[in-house]
Amino acid sequence: MKNNRLVLFLSMLVFVSCTKEGESENNLIGTWHAVVITAVDDIDGTPLDLIAMGESMTLRFEACGLDGQCQAIVELSLDGDIEINNY
């Protein structure tokens, strides 16, 4: 009887802990704004807070296509120049 309970418990644990493939990627879909961007000064090695200096970075993740390819778009604003890259 004790073994049956253990097997039942382990079986339930397996079914509850499993997730469908692709659920984790759905958690990323959307637009994300960086709240911290830190760079290191080339001259003296001090860290620079780029957000405080007016810089920004936005990441946009789109749903994956049927071929399994997922698109990520990164928009980076440094020194007033906006750079957009697709990955």
C-alpha atoms as a PDB file:
ATOM      1  CA  MET A   1       0.000   0.000   0.000  1.00  0.00           C
ATOM      2  CA  LYS A   2       2.836   2.371   0.842  1.00  0.00           C
ATOM      3  CA  ASN A   3       4.496   1.678  -2.535  1.00  0.00           C
ATOM      4  CA  ASN A   4       1.240   2.421  -4.366  1.00  0.00           C
ATOM      5  CA  ARG A   5       1.015   5.826  -2.707  1.00  0.00           C
ATOM      6  CA  LEU A   6       4.627   6.597  -3.595  1.00  0.00           C
ATOM      7  CA  VAL A   7       4.098   5.586  -7.240  1.00  0.00           C
ATOM      8  CA  LEU A   8       0.889   7.636  -7.398  1.00  0.00           C
ATOM      9  CA  PHE A   9       2.628  10.667  -5.886  1.00  0.00           C
ATOM     10  CA  LEU A  10       5.592  10.428  -8.275  1.00  0.00           C
ATOM     11  CA  SER A  11       3.253  10.000 -11.254  1.00  0.00           C
ATOM     12  CA  MET A  12       1.291  13.096 -10.276  1.00  0.00           C
ATOM     13  CA  LEU A  13       4.511  15.046  -9.800  1.00  0.00           C
ATOM     14  CA  VAL A  14       5.672  14.188 -13.320  1.00  0.00           C
ATOM     15  CA  PHE A  15       2.370  15.245 -14.892  1.00  0.00           C
ATOM     16  CA  VAL A  16       2.161  18.488 -12.931  1.00  0.00           C
ATOM     17  CA  SER A  17       5.764  19.519 -13.493  1.00  0.00           C
ATOM     18  CA  CYS A  18       5.784  18.992 -17.276  1.00  0.00           C
ATOM     19  CA  THR A  19       5.012  21.930 -19.549  1.00  0.00           C
ATOM     20  CA  LYS A  20       4.213  22.041 -23.203  1.00  0.00           C
ATOM     21  CA  GLU A  21       7.072  22.979 -25.495  1.00  0.00           C
ATOM     22  CA  GLY A  22       6.889  26.616 -26.448  1.00  0.00           C
ATOM     23  CA  GLU A  23       5.246  27.888 -23.272  1.00  0.00           C
ATOM     24  CA  SER A  24       8.506  29.397 -22.078  1.00  0.00           C
ATOM     25  CA  GLU A  25       9.019  31.288 -25.332  1.00  0.00           C
ATOM     26  CA  ASN A  26       5.547  32.828 -24.939  1.00  0.00           C
ATOM     27  CA  ASN A  27       6.749  34.415 -21.702  1.00  0.00           C
ATOM     28  CA  LEU A  28       9.234  36.498 -23.707  1.00  0.00           C
ATOM     29  CA  ILE A  29       6.895  37.700 -26.449  1.00  0.00           C
ATOM     30  CA  GLY A  30       6.378  41.443 -26.254  1.00  0.00           C
ATOM     31  CA  THR A  31       8.387  44.606 -25.763  1.00  0.00           C
ATOM     32  CA  TRP A  32      10.985  44.897 -23.021  1.00  0.00           C
ATOM     33  CA  HIS A  33      12.731  48.087 -21.899  1.00  0.00           C
ATOM     34  CA  ALA A  34      16.173  47.892 -20.294  1.00  0.00           C
ATOM     35  CA  VAL A  35      16.272  49.376 -16.801  1.00  0.00           C
ATOM     36  CA  VAL A  36      20.035  49.008 -16.362  1.00  0.00           C
ATOM     37  CA  ILE A  37      22.753  49.454 -18.969  1.00  0.00           C
ATOM     38  CA  THR A  38      26.275  49.608 -17.590  1.00  0.00           C
ATOM     39  CA  ALA A  39      29.400  50.251 -19.637  1.00  0.00           C
ATOM     40  CA  VAL A  40      33.017  50.445 -18.525  1.00  0.00           C
ATOM     41  CA  ASP A  41      35.094  53.557 -19.225  1.00  0.00           C
ATOM     42  CA  ASP A  42      38.067  52.660 -21.456  1.00  0.00           C
ATOM     43  CA  ILE A  43      40.389  55.112 -19.711  1.00  0.00           C
ATOM     44  CA  ASP A  44      39.979  54.479 -15.996  1.00  0.00           C
ATOM     45  CA  GLY A  45      37.684  51.425 -15.879  1.00  0.00           C
ATOM     46  CA  THR A  46      34.886  53.085 -13.927  1.00  0.00           C
ATOM     47  CA  PRO A  47      31.348  51.815 -14.557  1.00  0.00           C
ATOM     48  CA  LEU A  48      28.997  54.203 -16.360  1.00  0.00           C
ATOM     49  CA  ASP A  49      25.210  54.084 -15.919  1.00  0.00           C
ATOM     50  CA  LEU A  50      24.019  54.677 -19.488  1.00  0.00           C
ATOM     51  CA  ILE A  51      20.332  54.915 -18.520  1.00  0.00           C
ATOM     52  CA  ALA A  52      21.133  57.839 -16.201  1.00  0.00           C
ATOM     53  CA  MET A  53      22.989  59.451 -19.109  1.00  0.00           C
ATOM     54  CA  GLY A  54      19.817  59.367 -21.261  1.00  0.00           C
ATOM     55  CA  GLU A  55      20.545  56.236 -23.297  1.00  0.00           C
ATOM     56  CA  SER A  56      17.944  53.502 -23.823  1.00  0.00           C
ATOM     57  CA  MET A  57      17.494  49.976 -25.124  1.00  0.00           C
ATOM     58  CA  THR A  58      14.293  48.234 -26.168  1.00  0.00           C
ATOM     59  CA  LEU A  59      14.003  44.552 -27.074  1.00  0.00           C
ATOM     60  CA  ARG A  60      10.968  43.236 -28.949  1.00  0.00           C
ATOM     61  CA  PHE A  61      10.391  39.493 -29.175  1.00  0.00           C
ATOM     62  CA  GLU A  62       7.862  38.225 -31.704  1.00  0.00           C
ATOM     63  CA  ALA A  63       6.118  34.871 -31.889  1.00  0.00           C
ATOM     64  CA  CYS A  64       8.023  32.074 -33.585  1.00  0.00           C
ATOM     65  CA  GLY A  65       6.998  31.064 -37.065  1.00  0.00           C
ATOM     66  CA  LEU A  66       6.053  27.572 -38.202  1.00  0.00           C
ATOM     67  CA  ASP A  67       9.675  27.007 -39.221  1.00  0.00           C
ATOM     68  CA  GLY A  68      10.783  27.501 -35.597  1.00  0.00           C
ATOM     69  CA  GLN A  69      12.524  30.793 -36.338  1.00  0.00           C
ATOM     70  CA  CYS A  70      11.934  33.484 -33.726  1.00  0.00           C
ATOM     71  CA  GLN A  71      12.598  37.158 -34.376  1.00  0.00           C
ATOM     72  CA  ALA A  72      14.101  39.581 -31.881  1.00  0.00           C
ATOM     73  CA  ILE A  73      14.434  43.281 -32.626  1.00  0.00           C
ATOM     74  CA  VAL A  74      16.860  45.383 -30.592  1.00  0.00           C
ATOM     75  CA  GLU A  75      16.588  49.182 -30.628  1.00  0.00           C
ATOM     76  CA  LEU A  76      19.547  50.913 -29.017  1.00  0.00           C
ATOM     77  CA  SER A  77      19.843  54.657 -28.525  1.00  0.00           C
ATOM     78  CA  LEU A  78      23.381  55.881 -27.859  1.00  0.00           C
ATOM     79  CA  ASP A  79      24.453  59.523 -28.135  1.00  0.00           C
ATOM     80  CA  GLY A  80      21.166  60.394 -29.853  1.00  0.00           C
ATOM     81  CA  ASP A  81      21.697  57.842 -32.649  1.00  0.00           C
ATOM     82  CA  ILE A  82      19.121  55.056 -32.872  1.00  0.00           C
ATOM     83  CA  GLU A  83      20.348  51.692 -34.105  1.00  0.00           C
ATOM     84  CA  ILE A  84      17.879  48.905 -34.915  1.00  0.00           C
ATOM     85  CA  ASN A  85      19.017  45.300 -35.387  1.00  0.00           C
ATOM     86  CA  ASN A  86      16.990  42.222 -36.279  1.00  0.00           C
ATOM     87  CA  TYR A  87      18.021  38.822 -34.989  1.00  0.00           C
END
